[in-house]
Amino acid sequence: MSSSQFQNLRASSLYCNQCKAAMPVRERLLLILPDKEIFDYLCTGCGNSVGQREVTAGEKLRGATARHAGAARRAHLFSS
């Protein structure tokens, strides 16, 4: 397996100290900087912050390129 598969990993649930359990989370954009974006993970049960994720400009560009390539590949499959 390629390690590049896990570079843009997003959490769907994280442990919450307040709820004392692994809880579903929602992602909220916290800060936009010239070279990265910082997202905050909020517990859906109590609303506490349970983690953060940073996306650099390079990762964002690679993700957009991969999505574009996937969409083009699917469009080609359906047009054949």
C-alpha atoms as a PDB file:
ATOM      1  CA  MET A   1       0.000   0.000   0.000  1.00  0.00           C
ATOM      2  CA  SER A   2       1.211   3.482  -0.815  1.00  0.00           C
ATOM      3  CA  SER A   3       1.676   5.943   2.069  1.00  0.00           C
ATOM      4  CA  SER A   4       0.294   8.724  -0.150  1.00  0.00           C
ATOM      5  CA  GLN A   5      -3.173   7.214   0.376  1.00  0.00           C
ATOM      6  CA  PHE A   6      -3.183   8.467   3.964  1.00  0.00           C
ATOM      7  CA  GLN A   7      -1.901  12.031   3.501  1.00  0.00           C
ATOM      8  CA  ASN A   8      -5.375  13.609   3.443  1.00  0.00           C
ATOM      9  CA  LEU A   9      -6.965  11.601   6.240  1.00  0.00           C
ATOM     10  CA  ARG A  10     -10.105  13.032   7.887  1.00  0.00           C
ATOM     11  CA  ALA A  11     -11.454  11.843  11.225  1.00  0.00           C
ATOM     12  CA  SER A  12     -15.062  10.721  11.522  1.00  0.00           C
ATOM     13  CA  SER A  13     -14.914   9.993  15.256  1.00  0.00           C
ATOM     14  CA  LEU A  14     -12.464  10.869  18.030  1.00  0.00           C
ATOM     15  CA  TYR A  15     -12.281  10.290  21.775  1.00  0.00           C
ATOM     16  CA  CYS A  16     -13.967  13.068  23.777  1.00  0.00           C
ATOM     17  CA  ASN A  17     -12.783  13.626  27.371  1.00  0.00           C
ATOM     18  CA  GLN A  18     -16.098  15.255  28.301  1.00  0.00           C
ATOM     19  CA  CYS A  19     -18.284  12.413  26.970  1.00  0.00           C
ATOM     20  CA  LYS A  20     -15.752   9.723  27.981  1.00  0.00           C
ATOM     21  CA  ALA A  21     -16.252   7.885  24.680  1.00  0.00           C
ATOM     22  CA  ALA A  22     -15.327   7.926  21.018  1.00  0.00           C
ATOM     23  CA  MET A  23     -17.826  10.320  19.460  1.00  0.00           C
ATOM     24  CA  PRO A  24     -18.665  11.418  15.915  1.00  0.00           C
ATOM     25  CA  VAL A  25     -17.039  14.744  15.067  1.00  0.00           C
ATOM     26  CA  ARG A  26     -17.686  17.585  12.695  1.00  0.00           C
ATOM     27  CA  GLU A  27     -14.959  19.633  11.104  1.00  0.00           C
ATOM     28  CA  ARG A  28     -14.951  23.439  11.387  1.00  0.00           C
ATOM     29  CA  LEU A  29     -12.589  25.753   9.532  1.00  0.00           C
ATOM     30  CA  LEU A  30     -10.684  27.563  12.265  1.00  0.00           C
ATOM     31  CA  LEU A  31      -8.005  29.618  10.509  1.00  0.00           C
ATOM     32  CA  ILE A  32      -6.830  30.363   6.967  1.00  0.00           C
ATOM     33  CA  LEU A  33      -3.146  31.217   6.581  1.00  0.00           C
ATOM     34  CA  PRO A  34      -1.196  31.872   3.356  1.00  0.00           C
ATOM     35  CA  ASP A  35       0.469  28.446   3.466  1.00  0.00           C
ATOM     36  CA  LYS A  36      -2.140  26.304   5.257  1.00  0.00           C
ATOM     37  CA  GLU A  37      -5.655  25.972   6.639  1.00  0.00           C
ATOM     38  CA  ILE A  38      -6.373  24.776  10.177  1.00  0.00           C
ATOM     39  CA  PHE A  39      -9.538  22.830  10.939  1.00  0.00           C
ATOM     40  CA  ASP A  40     -10.964  22.090  14.389  1.00  0.00           C
ATOM     41  CA  TYR A  41     -12.770  18.824  15.194  1.00  0.00           C
ATOM     42  CA  LEU A  42     -15.838  19.303  17.410  1.00  0.00           C
ATOM     43  CA  CYS A  43     -17.621  16.536  19.315  1.00  0.00           C
ATOM     44  CA  THR A  44     -21.213  16.232  18.083  1.00  0.00           C
ATOM     45  CA  GLY A  45     -22.361  15.251  21.581  1.00  0.00           C
ATOM     46  CA  CYS A  46     -21.103  18.140  23.687  1.00  0.00           C
ATOM     47  CA  GLY A  47     -19.482  20.563  21.221  1.00  0.00           C
ATOM     48  CA  ASN A  48     -16.001  20.424  22.782  1.00  0.00           C
ATOM     49  CA  SER A  49     -12.912  20.664  20.609  1.00  0.00           C
ATOM     50  CA  VAL A  50     -11.305  17.218  20.412  1.00  0.00           C
ATOM     51  CA  GLY A  51      -8.568  17.771  17.820  1.00  0.00           C
ATOM     52  CA  GLN A  52      -7.198  19.735  14.899  1.00  0.00           C
ATOM     53  CA  ARG A  53      -6.097  19.075  11.336  1.00  0.00           C
ATOM     54  CA  GLU A  54      -3.798  21.199   9.186  1.00  0.00           C
ATOM     55  CA  VAL A  55      -3.924  21.216   5.400  1.00  0.00           C
ATOM     56  CA  THR A  56      -0.950  22.788   3.658  1.00  0.00           C
ATOM     57  CA  ALA A  57      -1.263  24.522   0.300  1.00  0.00           C
ATOM     58  CA  GLY A  58       0.582  21.621  -1.378  1.00  0.00           C
ATOM     59  CA  GLU A  59      -1.767  19.005   0.103  1.00  0.00           C
ATOM     60  CA  LYS A  60      -4.787  21.045  -0.944  1.00  0.00           C
ATOM     61  CA  LEU A  61      -3.456  21.308  -4.504  1.00  0.00           C
ATOM     62  CA  ARG A  62      -2.714  17.561  -4.674  1.00  0.00           C
ATOM     63  CA  GLY A  63      -6.236  16.785  -3.400  1.00  0.00           C
ATOM     64  CA  ALA A  64      -7.840  19.052  -6.004  1.00  0.00           C
ATOM     65  CA  THR A  65      -5.724  17.497  -8.767  1.00  0.00           C
ATOM     66  CA  ALA A  66      -6.662  13.972  -7.665  1.00  0.00           C
ATOM     67  CA  ARG A  67     -10.383  14.873  -7.544  1.00  0.00           C
ATOM     68  CA  HIS A  68     -10.151  16.444 -11.012  1.00  0.00           C
ATOM     69  CA  ALA A  69      -8.395  13.367 -12.420  1.00  0.00           C
ATOM     70  CA  GLY A  70     -11.020  11.066 -10.850  1.00  0.00           C
ATOM     71  CA  ALA A  71     -13.870  13.126 -12.284  1.00  0.00           C
ATOM     72  CA  ALA A  72     -12.253  13.118 -15.732  1.00  0.00           C
ATOM     73  CA  ARG A  73     -11.759   9.342 -15.534  1.00  0.00           C
ATOM     74  CA  ARG A  74     -15.427   8.816 -14.589  1.00  0.00           C
ATOM     75  CA  ALA A  75     -16.613  11.144 -17.354  1.00  0.00           C
ATOM     76  CA  HIS A  76     -14.555   9.162 -19.868  1.00  0.00           C
ATOM     77  CA  LEU A  77     -16.077   5.887 -18.663  1.00  0.00           C
ATOM     78  CA  PHE A  78     -19.646   7.178 -19.036  1.00  0.00           C
ATOM     79  CA  SER A  79     -19.052   8.764 -22.448  1.00  0.00           C
ATOM     80  CA  SER A  80     -17.782   5.513 -24.000  1.00  0.00           C
END
